[in-house]
Amino acid sequence: MSITGLGGLGGLVSGMDSKTMIEKLMMIEAQPLVSMKTQQKKVELRKGLLQEINSALLKLKTKVEALADAQKVMAKKVTSSDDKVAIGTAFKADQVIEGSYDLKVEQLATAWTAKSANITSFANPTTKELGWSGTFKVQYTNGTKTQVSRDITIEATDRLTDIAAKINASLEDSQTAGSMKVKATVVDNTLIMTSGETGAGSSVQILNDTAGIFGPGKLGLTDGDATAASFTSATVGKNSKFTVNGIDIERSKNSGLNDVIQGLEITLLQEGKSVNLKVEPDYEASEKVIQEFIDAYNSTMELLTTRMNEKTEKDAKSDTMLSKGLLRGDPALSSIQSALRDITGKAFSGSEMFKTLNSIGIRVDKSDNGVSGKLYIDTTKLREALSRNPNEVMKVFYVDGNANGKLDVDDNKAANGLAGMMFNKLFTLTDTTKVLHGTKSAPKGLLPSRMELMDGQVKEFNNRMESFNRRLEMRRKTLEAQFTSMEMMMQQSNSAGTFMMARMNSTY
């Protein structure tokens, strides 16, 4: 803080170092500002610690949500005896029945396709332009739904590749236009058109081809009917045909076959071959999702314990060390930890076979007499439970109480399982949804609410410090004026004394 208002006197008359004196006085005056900065820093660091805990709870919430997914907890693996013939995946692990399924692939589904005449004799040998012009539409049907394209216009300067590009870019002639399920490509000066779907029901027609672009003498694909031309040499699509455990099945496609075996999706890859699909529990996948929850839970409990018990560090300099002890004994953290531990120890009523986490092999670590509350998996016990009845194991983790197909805050009772109760608790702690309190709004969640309150405290400190700095500046100017006035008065006094001495000397 420099002194600039002393008019250059700076103690030259009085002999006092007025600049230094003012600086020291201002340092004393600024002590409350130092205290405010220290308090503000603590608020910021305390908020940082709450953000750390909030992040840990959100991560735990994500892992809890995974426990409500039967596809992950009741994971199944499907092994193919020949993955070049057919493969399968358990897309509904809670529905697929473990066992062995014999498949014989008799015929793969194919798409409708047609190819034009070679147009070398029609195209300009240099530019490859065809010299044809006209407008037409493409109509496609798959046996249940029909698509008609908007007008496709061909110019005289177009090449065969341009015609293919315009067919590929064509849209349905409707208000909610989608892409047409007919594609075109060019191979060795030949236009090849293919349906985007496989199956015996697929077919294509060319509508309003008055210029005969697709008819005889040009592309040679259709019968030349100007209104609705049919393809004359197309290869029709075929359905897939196969058997499962001796039952004949026919479908319009080769992949995404999820309506054949309950909970299983099949993909056919090679015809004329037989294959066996074996469905069995995927214990490693089930254990992985449970272990990820346990890891997140244990780390959260450890973090809460650390923050509640750590002591303030003397002579701390870094933010990390200054943060220690700021949440020591915080009752909110103790409440959170107790609530989470209480949920893991609940008896869940959704299952008739298993009631507790311990009954399915998720145990409390006793190495510290259970003080930390950490969990671990007894792999043998968990696999035994999953083998006996995976659906009942799933009920320990989650039961959709309101049957809306998703985990939500209404699934908050013991009958809804571990995931339901813990999700509800974590949601109430971390919810950022704003609610009105009088004329002001604040987040619903405990931690977001506290952090927003701290933001307000930091802002208030800033306002107070700005106001205090303005007062300090006024005080500094007052001191400078006072010292300047004193110097001037002493200068005037000295001048008067010198004058009197000079008069006295001249008299004698």
Protein backbone atom coordinates (compact mmCIF):
# COMPACT_ATOMS: atom_id res chain seq x y z
CA MET A 1 0.00 0.00 0.00
CA SER A 2 1.99 3.03 -1.23
CA ILE A 3 1.53 6.57 0.02
CA THR A 4 1.11 9.08 -2.77
CA GLY A 5 -0.70 12.04 -1.24
CA LEU A 6 2.00 13.72 0.89
CA GLY A 7 2.86 16.39 -1.65
CA GLY A 8 6.49 15.40 -1.73
CA LEU A 9 7.13 16.43 1.88
CA GLY A 10 7.23 12.88 3.28
CA GLY A 11 8.70 13.95 6.65
CA LEU A 12 11.34 16.34 5.25
CA VAL A 13 10.25 19.02 7.70
CA SER A 14 9.41 16.96 10.78
CA GLY A 15 12.07 14.36 10.25
CA MET A 16 9.46 11.62 10.69
CA ASP A 17 9.11 8.82 8.04
CA SER A 18 5.43 9.54 7.58
CA LYS A 19 5.05 7.13 4.66
CA THR A 20 6.23 4.18 6.73
CA MET A 21 4.12 5.28 9.68
CA ILE A 22 0.99 5.39 7.52
CA GLU A 23 1.75 1.98 6.04
CA LYS A 24 2.04 0.49 9.52
CA LEU A 25 -1.13 2.18 10.68
CA MET A 26 -2.94 0.81 7.62
CA MET A 27 -1.69 -2.70 8.36
CA ILE A 28 -3.28 -2.44 11.80
CA GLU A 29 -6.48 -1.07 10.30
CA ALA A 30 -6.56 -3.99 7.78
CA GLN A 31 -6.49 -6.77 10.38
CA PRO A 32 -10.26 -7.43 10.11
CA LEU A 33 -9.78 -7.89 6.36
CA VAL A 34 -7.21 -10.62 6.96
CA SER A 35 -9.64 -12.34 9.30
CA MET A 36 -12.44 -12.17 6.70
CA LYS A 37 -10.18 -13.68 4.04
CA THR A 38 -9.26 -16.51 6.39
CA GLN A 39 -12.91 -17.21 7.16
CA GLN A 40 -13.85 -17.09 3.48
CA LYS A 41 -11.07 -19.54 2.64
CA LYS A 42 -12.38 -21.98 5.22
CA VAL A 43 -15.87 -21.78 3.73
CA GLU A 44 -14.47 -22.47 0.26
CA LEU A 45 -12.43 -25.42 1.51
CA ARG A 46 -15.39 -26.79 3.47
CA LYS A 47 -17.52 -26.59 0.33
CA GLY A 48 -14.79 -28.46 -1.55
CA LEU A 49 -14.96 -31.27 0.99
CA LEU A 50 -18.74 -31.47 0.64
CA GLN A 51 -18.35 -31.57 -3.16
CA GLU A 52 -15.97 -34.49 -2.71
CA ILE A 53 -18.54 -36.34 -0.60
CA ASN A 54 -21.35 -35.43 -2.99
CA SER A 55 -19.34 -36.86 -5.91
CA ALA A 56 -18.73 -40.08 -3.97
CA LEU A 57 -22.47 -40.39 -3.25
CA LEU A 58 -23.34 -39.80 -6.92
CA LYS A 59 -20.87 -42.48 -7.97
CA LEU A 60 -22.40 -44.84 -5.41
CA LYS A 61 -25.85 -43.97 -6.76
CA THR A 62 -24.75 -45.03 -10.25
CA LYS A 63 -23.56 -48.38 -8.91
CA VAL A 64 -26.82 -48.81 -6.99
CA GLU A 65 -28.77 -48.22 -10.21
CA ALA A 66 -26.80 -51.06 -11.82
CA LEU A 67 -28.02 -53.39 -9.04
CA ALA A 68 -31.58 -52.70 -10.17
CA ASP A 69 -30.76 -54.03 -13.65
CA ALA A 70 -31.65 -57.73 -13.84
CA GLN A 71 -29.69 -57.97 -17.08
CA LYS A 72 -26.52 -57.29 -15.08
CA VAL A 73 -27.24 -59.02 -11.78
CA MET A 74 -28.73 -62.16 -13.37
CA ALA A 75 -26.23 -62.17 -16.23
CA LYS A 76 -26.27 -65.13 -18.61
CA LYS A 77 -23.72 -66.15 -21.21
CA VAL A 78 -24.51 -67.92 -24.44
CA THR A 79 -21.90 -70.22 -25.96
CA SER A 80 -22.11 -71.31 -29.59
CA SER A 81 -20.56 -74.59 -30.70
CA ASP A 82 -19.73 -72.85 -33.99
CA ASP A 83 -19.85 -69.05 -33.99
CA LYS A 84 -19.55 -69.02 -37.78
CA VAL A 85 -22.97 -70.64 -38.09
CA ALA A 86 -25.05 -68.90 -35.40
CA ILE A 87 -24.58 -66.93 -32.19
CA GLY A 88 -26.87 -65.79 -29.39
CA THR A 89 -27.10 -63.24 -26.62
CA ALA A 90 -29.32 -63.19 -23.53
CA PHE A 91 -31.09 -59.87 -24.02
CA LYS A 92 -33.47 -60.58 -21.12
CA ALA A 93 -31.36 -62.45 -18.61
CA ASP A 94 -34.22 -62.71 -16.11
CA GLN A 95 -36.41 -64.53 -18.67
CA VAL A 96 -34.09 -66.79 -20.63
CA ILE A 97 -34.10 -70.41 -19.49
CA GLU A 98 -30.71 -71.99 -18.93
CA GLY A 99 -30.12 -75.00 -21.09
CA SER A 100 -29.05 -76.27 -24.50
CA TYR A 101 -30.68 -75.36 -27.83
CA ASP A 102 -29.96 -77.23 -31.09
CA LEU A 103 -30.25 -75.11 -34.25
CA LYS A 104 -30.14 -76.23 -37.85
CA VAL A 105 -29.87 -73.38 -40.35
CA GLU A 106 -31.48 -74.48 -43.59
CA GLN A 107 -31.66 -71.12 -45.40
CA LEU A 108 -30.50 -67.57 -44.72
CA ALA A 109 -32.73 -64.62 -45.44
CA THR A 110 -31.71 -62.57 -48.46
CA ALA A 111 -32.68 -59.17 -49.84
CA TRP A 112 -34.46 -58.33 -53.08
CA THR A 113 -31.93 -57.25 -55.72
CA ALA A 114 -31.84 -56.27 -59.39
CA LYS A 115 -29.09 -55.22 -61.80
CA SER A 116 -29.25 -53.14 -64.95
CA ALA A 117 -27.72 -53.71 -68.33
CA ASN A 118 -24.15 -52.55 -68.80
CA ILE A 119 -24.51 -48.94 -69.95
CA THR A 120 -21.10 -48.58 -71.61
CA SER A 121 -22.71 -48.25 -75.04
CA PHE A 122 -25.01 -45.45 -73.82
CA ALA A 123 -22.57 -43.27 -71.90
CA ASN A 124 -20.33 -40.59 -73.38
CA PRO A 125 -16.91 -42.30 -73.49
CA THR A 126 -15.21 -39.16 -72.11
CA THR A 127 -17.65 -37.63 -69.61
CA LYS A 128 -19.67 -40.81 -68.85
CA GLU A 129 -22.82 -38.67 -69.18
CA LEU A 130 -25.87 -40.69 -70.18
CA GLY A 131 -27.87 -37.99 -71.95
CA TRP A 132 -31.13 -39.14 -70.29
CA SER A 133 -33.55 -36.88 -68.48
CA GLY A 134 -36.81 -37.51 -66.69
CA THR A 135 -38.57 -37.92 -63.37
CA PHE A 136 -39.68 -41.04 -61.52
CA LYS A 137 -40.51 -42.41 -58.06
CA VAL A 138 -39.38 -45.57 -56.29
CA GLN A 139 -41.95 -47.71 -54.48
CA TYR A 140 -40.88 -50.32 -51.92
CA THR A 141 -42.93 -52.80 -49.92
CA ASN A 142 -41.91 -55.37 -47.35
CA GLY A 143 -45.23 -57.16 -47.33
CA THR A 144 -46.75 -55.08 -44.53
CA LYS A 145 -45.71 -51.52 -45.25
CA THR A 146 -45.28 -49.59 -48.49
CA GLN A 147 -42.95 -46.64 -49.09
CA VAL A 148 -43.14 -44.25 -52.03
CA SER A 149 -40.35 -41.77 -52.65
CA ARG A 150 -40.59 -38.15 -53.62
CA ASP A 151 -39.84 -37.31 -57.26
CA ILE A 152 -36.30 -38.22 -58.36
CA THR A 153 -35.16 -36.07 -61.28
CA ILE A 154 -32.46 -37.16 -63.72
CA GLU A 155 -30.58 -34.60 -65.84
CA ALA A 156 -29.00 -35.18 -69.24
CA THR A 157 -25.58 -34.54 -67.73
CA ASP A 158 -26.01 -37.21 -65.06
CA ARG A 159 -23.81 -40.29 -64.98
CA LEU A 160 -24.78 -43.70 -63.66
CA THR A 161 -23.17 -42.87 -60.33
CA ASP A 162 -25.36 -39.74 -60.10
CA ILE A 163 -28.50 -41.84 -60.58
CA ALA A 164 -27.35 -44.16 -57.77
CA ALA A 165 -26.62 -41.20 -55.49
CA LYS A 166 -30.07 -39.67 -56.11
CA ILE A 167 -31.81 -42.97 -55.35
CA ASN A 168 -29.80 -43.32 -52.14
CA ALA A 169 -30.65 -39.76 -51.10
CA SER A 170 -34.36 -40.07 -51.84
CA LEU A 171 -36.94 -39.58 -49.09
CA GLU A 172 -40.46 -40.81 -48.54
CA ASP A 173 -43.22 -38.76 -50.13
CA SER A 174 -44.84 -37.93 -46.78
CA GLN A 175 -44.94 -35.20 -44.14
CA THR A 176 -42.77 -37.31 -41.85
CA ALA A 177 -40.35 -38.27 -44.58
CA GLY A 178 -37.85 -40.99 -43.75
CA SER A 179 -35.11 -42.58 -45.81
CA MET A 180 -36.21 -45.08 -48.43
CA LYS A 181 -35.29 -48.71 -47.79
CA VAL A 182 -33.90 -49.13 -51.29
CA LYS A 183 -30.24 -48.56 -52.04
CA ALA A 184 -28.27 -48.41 -55.27
CA THR A 185 -24.65 -48.84 -56.22
CA VAL A 186 -22.61 -49.07 -59.43
CA VAL A 187 -20.39 -52.01 -60.26
CA ASP A 188 -18.58 -52.16 -63.60
CA ASN A 189 -20.96 -49.75 -65.39
CA THR A 190 -23.97 -51.64 -64.00
CA LEU A 191 -26.58 -50.19 -61.62
CA ILE A 192 -27.43 -52.60 -58.79
CA MET A 193 -30.51 -51.92 -56.65
CA THR A 194 -31.08 -53.72 -53.34
CA SER A 195 -33.80 -53.63 -50.72
CA GLY A 196 -32.72 -52.48 -47.28
CA GLU A 197 -34.57 -55.38 -45.65
CA THR A 198 -34.33 -59.10 -46.18
CA GLY A 199 -37.28 -61.42 -46.59
CA ALA A 200 -39.66 -62.88 -49.14
CA GLY A 201 -42.09 -59.97 -48.85
CA SER A 202 -39.73 -57.32 -50.24
CA SER A 203 -40.36 -55.92 -53.73
CA VAL A 204 -39.67 -52.70 -55.69
CA GLN A 205 -41.47 -50.86 -58.50
CA ILE A 206 -40.65 -47.72 -60.49
CA LEU A 207 -43.53 -45.26 -60.75
CA ASN A 208 -44.22 -42.56 -63.38
CA ASP A 209 -41.11 -43.32 -65.44
CA THR A 210 -42.53 -41.65 -68.56
CA ALA A 211 -39.03 -41.20 -69.97
CA GLY A 212 -38.43 -44.95 -69.76
CA ILE A 213 -35.10 -44.57 -67.96
CA PHE A 214 -35.52 -47.95 -66.26
CA GLY A 215 -37.14 -49.66 -69.24
CA PRO A 216 -35.88 -51.61 -72.23
CA GLY A 217 -33.24 -49.88 -74.35
CA LYS A 218 -31.84 -47.95 -71.39
CA LEU A 219 -31.24 -49.46 -67.95
CA GLY A 220 -33.30 -52.48 -68.93
CA LEU A 221 -34.50 -53.13 -65.39
CA THR A 222 -38.27 -52.96 -65.82
CA ASP A 223 -41.01 -53.85 -68.23
CA GLY A 224 -41.24 -50.19 -69.24
CA ASP A 225 -44.71 -49.51 -67.84
CA ALA A 226 -44.87 -45.72 -67.57
CA THR A 227 -47.22 -45.82 -64.59
CA ALA A 228 -46.01 -48.67 -62.39
CA ALA A 229 -43.11 -50.60 -63.90
CA SER A 230 -42.16 -53.98 -62.44
CA PHE A 231 -38.63 -55.32 -62.48
CA THR A 232 -38.25 -58.09 -65.02
CA SER A 233 -35.11 -59.85 -63.86
CA ALA A 234 -34.94 -59.17 -60.12
CA THR A 235 -33.83 -61.77 -57.64
CA VAL A 236 -36.56 -62.04 -55.03
CA GLY A 237 -35.74 -61.96 -51.34
CA LYS A 238 -35.95 -65.09 -49.22
CA ASN A 239 -36.89 -65.75 -45.60
CA SER A 240 -34.57 -67.51 -43.22
CA LYS A 241 -35.56 -71.08 -42.43
CA PHE A 242 -34.19 -73.00 -39.46
CA THR A 243 -35.15 -75.39 -36.68
CA VAL A 244 -34.75 -75.07 -32.90
CA ASN A 245 -34.86 -78.36 -31.06
CA GLY A 246 -36.71 -79.84 -34.01
CA ILE A 247 -39.31 -77.03 -34.37
CA ASP A 248 -39.51 -75.47 -37.87
CA ILE A 249 -39.18 -71.66 -37.83
CA GLU A 250 -39.27 -69.06 -40.60
CA ARG A 251 -38.41 -65.36 -40.29
CA SER A 252 -37.78 -62.46 -42.66
CA LYS A 253 -34.32 -61.70 -41.28
CA ASN A 254 -31.12 -63.32 -39.99
CA SER A 255 -30.30 -61.12 -37.00
CA GLY A 256 -32.22 -59.65 -34.10
CA LEU A 257 -34.28 -62.85 -33.79
CA ASN A 258 -35.56 -62.22 -30.27
CA ASP A 259 -38.99 -63.83 -30.61
CA VAL A 260 -37.83 -67.41 -31.09
CA ILE A 261 -36.34 -68.49 -27.75
CA GLN A 262 -37.59 -66.66 -24.64
CA GLY A 263 -35.09 -64.01 -23.53
CA LEU A 264 -32.57 -65.02 -26.21
CA GLU A 265 -31.58 -63.12 -29.36
CA ILE A 266 -30.24 -65.23 -32.24
CA THR A 267 -28.12 -64.28 -35.24
CA LEU A 268 -27.89 -66.71 -38.17
CA LEU A 269 -24.63 -66.59 -40.12
CA GLN A 270 -24.29 -69.66 -42.35
CA GLU A 271 -26.83 -71.95 -43.95
CA GLY A 272 -26.71 -75.69 -44.32
CA LYS A 273 -25.07 -76.19 -40.93
CA SER A 274 -26.12 -77.18 -37.40
CA VAL A 275 -25.03 -75.56 -34.16
CA ASN A 276 -25.70 -75.80 -30.44
CA LEU A 277 -26.34 -72.74 -28.24
CA LYS A 278 -25.74 -73.25 -24.54
CA VAL A 279 -27.20 -70.79 -22.03
CA GLU A 280 -25.67 -70.73 -18.54
CA PRO A 281 -25.11 -68.28 -15.65
CA ASP A 282 -22.34 -65.71 -16.11
CA TYR A 283 -21.20 -65.60 -12.50
CA GLU A 284 -18.20 -63.39 -13.27
CA ALA A 285 -20.42 -60.70 -14.82
CA SER A 286 -22.86 -60.85 -11.90
CA GLU A 287 -20.06 -60.60 -9.36
CA LYS A 288 -18.52 -57.68 -11.24
CA VAL A 289 -21.58 -55.44 -10.94
CA ILE A 290 -22.01 -56.36 -7.27
CA GLN A 291 -18.32 -55.81 -6.54
CA GLU A 292 -18.44 -52.39 -8.20
CA PHE A 293 -21.25 -51.43 -5.83
CA ILE A 294 -19.31 -52.74 -2.82
CA ASP A 295 -16.17 -50.84 -3.88
CA ALA A 296 -18.12 -47.57 -4.21
CA TYR A 297 -19.93 -48.19 -0.91
CA ASN A 298 -16.72 -49.00 0.99
CA SER A 299 -14.84 -46.00 -0.39
CA THR A 300 -17.77 -43.71 0.50
CA MET A 301 -17.91 -45.04 4.06
CA GLU A 302 -14.15 -44.63 4.40
CA LEU A 303 -14.30 -41.06 3.08
CA LEU A 304 -17.04 -40.13 5.56
CA THR A 305 -15.09 -41.66 8.44
CA THR A 306 -11.93 -39.82 7.43
CA ARG A 307 -13.60 -36.41 7.15
CA MET A 308 -15.45 -36.79 10.45
CA ASN A 309 -12.37 -37.87 12.43
CA GLU A 310 -9.38 -36.06 10.93
CA LYS A 311 -7.82 -33.33 13.07
CA THR A 312 -6.74 -29.82 12.14
CA GLU A 313 -3.11 -29.59 11.00
CA LYS A 314 -0.91 -27.01 12.68
CA ASP A 315 1.00 -24.59 10.44
CA ALA A 316 -0.89 -25.89 7.40
CA LYS A 317 -0.02 -24.16 4.12
CA SER A 318 -1.55 -26.10 1.24
CA ASP A 319 -5.29 -26.34 0.62
CA THR A 320 -5.13 -30.08 1.27
CA MET A 321 -3.67 -29.56 4.73
CA LEU A 322 -5.84 -26.54 5.49
CA SER A 323 -8.93 -28.65 4.69
CA LYS A 324 -8.19 -31.21 7.38
CA GLY A 325 -10.51 -31.05 10.35
CA LEU A 326 -13.04 -28.67 8.76
CA LEU A 327 -15.75 -31.38 8.86
CA ARG A 328 -14.62 -33.01 12.07
CA GLY A 329 -17.65 -34.20 14.03
CA ASP A 330 -20.09 -32.95 11.39
CA PRO A 331 -23.46 -34.43 12.44
CA ALA A 332 -24.75 -34.50 8.86
CA LEU A 333 -21.93 -36.81 7.79
CA SER A 334 -22.56 -39.06 10.76
CA SER A 335 -26.24 -39.21 9.81
CA ILE A 336 -25.43 -40.10 6.20
CA GLN A 337 -23.05 -42.86 7.22
CA SER A 338 -25.51 -44.32 9.72
CA ALA A 339 -28.33 -44.28 7.16
CA LEU A 340 -26.27 -46.11 4.52
CA ARG A 341 -25.05 -48.69 7.01
CA ASP A 342 -28.60 -49.19 8.29
CA ILE A 343 -29.85 -49.96 4.77
CA THR A 344 -27.21 -52.64 4.16
CA GLY A 345 -28.26 -54.33 7.38
CA LYS A 346 -31.98 -54.39 6.55
CA ALA A 347 -34.14 -57.46 6.13
CA PHE A 348 -35.67 -57.13 2.66
CA SER A 349 -39.16 -58.59 2.34
CA GLY A 350 -39.39 -58.88 -1.44
CA SER A 351 -37.91 -62.38 -1.59
CA GLU A 352 -39.40 -65.49 -0.07
CA MET A 353 -36.04 -67.28 -0.10
CA PHE A 354 -33.44 -64.65 0.82
CA LYS A 355 -33.94 -61.76 3.24
CA THR A 356 -30.58 -60.13 3.87
CA LEU A 357 -27.36 -59.33 2.05
CA ASN A 358 -25.63 -61.82 4.30
CA SER A 359 -27.96 -64.59 3.11
CA ILE A 360 -26.71 -64.18 -0.47
CA GLY A 361 -23.02 -63.89 0.42
CA ILE A 362 -22.52 -60.14 0.91
CA ARG A 363 -20.97 -59.85 4.34
CA VAL A 364 -19.68 -57.20 6.73
CA ASP A 365 -15.89 -57.13 7.12
CA LYS A 366 -15.17 -58.30 10.67
CA SER A 367 -11.42 -57.68 10.54
CA ASP A 368 -12.02 -54.47 12.52
CA ASN A 369 -14.99 -55.90 14.44
CA GLY A 370 -17.31 -54.31 11.91
CA VAL A 371 -16.41 -50.76 12.96
CA SER A 372 -15.83 -49.53 9.40
CA GLY A 373 -19.00 -51.19 8.11
CA LYS A 374 -17.22 -52.27 4.94
CA LEU A 375 -18.65 -55.10 2.86
CA TYR A 376 -17.12 -57.96 0.90
CA ILE A 377 -18.35 -60.84 -1.29
CA ASP A 378 -18.31 -64.43 -0.12
CA THR A 379 -18.00 -65.78 -3.66
CA THR A 380 -18.97 -69.35 -2.78
CA LYS A 381 -22.11 -68.24 -0.96
CA LEU A 382 -23.13 -65.79 -3.71
CA ARG A 383 -22.74 -68.36 -6.47
CA GLU A 384 -24.66 -70.88 -4.44
CA ALA A 385 -27.54 -68.39 -4.09
CA LEU A 386 -27.48 -67.47 -7.79
CA SER A 387 -27.47 -71.16 -8.68
CA ARG A 388 -30.43 -71.94 -6.42
CA ASN A 389 -32.68 -69.13 -7.61
CA PRO A 390 -31.31 -66.04 -9.40
CA ASN A 391 -34.76 -64.40 -9.47
CA GLU A 392 -34.95 -64.49 -5.67
CA VAL A 393 -31.43 -63.08 -5.41
CA MET A 394 -32.54 -60.24 -7.68
CA LYS A 395 -35.43 -59.47 -5.31
CA VAL A 396 -32.94 -58.80 -2.51
CA PHE A 397 -31.46 -56.09 -4.70
CA TYR A 398 -34.58 -54.70 -6.35
CA VAL A 399 -38.31 -55.14 -6.77
CA ASP A 400 -40.13 -52.63 -8.97
CA GLY A 401 -42.87 -51.66 -6.53
CA ASN A 402 -44.88 -49.43 -8.85
CA ALA A 403 -44.24 -51.57 -11.96
CA ASN A 404 -43.14 -48.61 -14.06
CA GLY A 405 -40.06 -50.40 -15.34
CA LYS A 406 -37.52 -48.13 -13.67
CA LEU A 407 -35.84 -47.44 -10.35
CA ASP A 408 -37.23 -44.28 -8.76
CA VAL A 409 -37.75 -42.59 -5.41
CA ASP A 410 -41.08 -44.36 -4.89
CA ASP A 411 -39.22 -47.68 -4.57
CA ASN A 412 -38.21 -46.79 -1.03
CA LYS A 413 -39.43 -49.63 1.17
CA ALA A 414 -37.81 -52.83 2.42
CA ALA A 415 -39.96 -54.73 -0.08
CA ASN A 416 -38.19 -52.85 -2.88
CA GLY A 417 -34.78 -54.22 -1.93
CA LEU A 418 -31.37 -52.71 -1.30
CA ALA A 419 -31.24 -50.71 -4.55
CA GLY A 420 -34.68 -49.20 -4.01
CA MET A 421 -33.98 -48.01 -0.46
CA MET A 422 -30.42 -46.83 -1.06
CA PHE A 423 -31.32 -45.05 -4.32
CA ASN A 424 -34.03 -43.13 -2.48
CA LYS A 425 -31.62 -42.09 0.29
CA LEU A 426 -28.86 -41.06 -2.12
CA PHE A 427 -31.33 -39.13 -4.24
CA THR A 428 -32.56 -37.10 -1.26
CA LEU A 429 -28.95 -36.30 -0.36
CA THR A 430 -27.80 -35.21 -3.83
CA ASP A 431 -30.96 -33.90 -5.54
CA THR A 432 -30.27 -30.55 -7.26
CA THR A 433 -33.93 -29.83 -8.05
CA LYS A 434 -34.82 -26.33 -6.80
CA VAL A 435 -37.75 -25.66 -4.45
CA LEU A 436 -39.08 -22.36 -3.16
CA HIS A 437 -38.56 -21.36 0.47
CA GLY A 438 -40.54 -18.16 0.76
CA THR A 439 -39.17 -15.94 -2.01
CA LYS A 440 -35.91 -17.84 -2.45
CA SER A 441 -35.18 -21.19 -4.05
CA ALA A 442 -32.70 -23.83 -2.95
CA PRO A 443 -31.82 -27.39 -3.98
CA LYS A 444 -33.81 -30.19 -2.35
CA GLY A 445 -30.77 -32.34 -1.63
CA LEU A 446 -28.94 -31.91 1.66
CA LEU A 447 -25.46 -31.54 0.16
CA PRO A 448 -26.36 -29.31 -2.81
CA SER A 449 -28.34 -27.12 -0.43
CA ARG A 450 -25.40 -26.75 1.96
CA MET A 451 -23.01 -26.04 -0.91
CA GLU A 452 -25.29 -23.37 -2.34
CA LEU A 453 -25.51 -21.80 1.13
CA MET A 454 -21.72 -21.70 1.22
CA ASP A 455 -21.66 -20.02 -2.19
CA GLY A 456 -23.83 -17.33 -0.64
CA GLN A 457 -21.45 -17.00 2.30
CA VAL A 458 -18.46 -16.61 -0.04
CA LYS A 459 -20.34 -13.94 -1.97
CA GLU A 460 -21.23 -12.14 1.26
CA PHE A 461 -17.58 -12.17 2.32
CA ASN A 462 -16.66 -10.64 -1.03
CA ASN A 463 -19.20 -7.87 -0.54
CA ARG A 464 -18.00 -7.19 3.00
CA MET A 465 -14.36 -7.11 1.91
CA GLU A 466 -15.11 -4.74 -0.97
CA SER A 467 -16.90 -2.42 1.44
CA PHE A 468 -14.08 -2.69 3.97
CA ASN A 469 -11.47 -1.92 1.28
CA ARG A 470 -13.38 1.23 0.36
CA ARG A 471 -13.30 2.31 4.02
CA LEU A 472 -9.58 1.53 4.21
CA GLU A 473 -8.93 3.68 1.18
CA MET A 474 -10.82 6.56 2.76
CA ARG A 475 -8.86 6.06 5.99
CA ARG A 476 -5.58 6.06 4.09
CA LYS A 477 -6.43 9.34 2.40
CA THR A 478 -7.42 10.85 5.76
CA LEU A 479 -4.07 9.87 7.30
CA GLU A 480 -2.17 11.22 4.31
CA ALA A 481 -4.04 14.51 4.59
CA GLN A 482 -3.36 14.72 8.32
CA PHE A 483 0.37 14.08 7.95
CA THR A 484 0.57 16.50 5.04
CA SER A 485 -1.17 19.19 7.08
CA MET A 486 1.19 18.58 9.99
CA GLU A 487 4.24 18.89 7.74
CA MET A 488 2.92 22.13 6.23
CA MET A 489 2.21 23.62 9.66
CA MET A 490 5.69 22.75 10.88
CA GLN A 491 7.17 24.20 7.70
CA GLN A 492 5.25 27.45 8.26
CA SER A 493 6.35 27.53 11.91
CA ASN A 494 9.98 27.03 10.91
CA SER A 495 9.70 29.76 8.33
CA ALA A 496 8.32 32.20 10.91
CA GLY A 497 11.12 31.39 13.37
CA THR A 498 13.76 31.93 10.73
CA PHE A 499 12.24 35.33 9.89
CA MET A 500 12.28 36.46 13.54
CA MET A 501 15.87 35.40 14.01
CA ALA A 502 16.86 37.31 10.89
CA ARG A 503 15.17 40.53 12.19
CA MET A 504 16.79 40.21 15.56
CA ASN A 505 20.22 39.77 14.03
CA SER A 506 19.74 42.80 11.82
CA THR A 507 18.79 44.99 14.88
CA TYR A 508 22.13 44.32 16.54
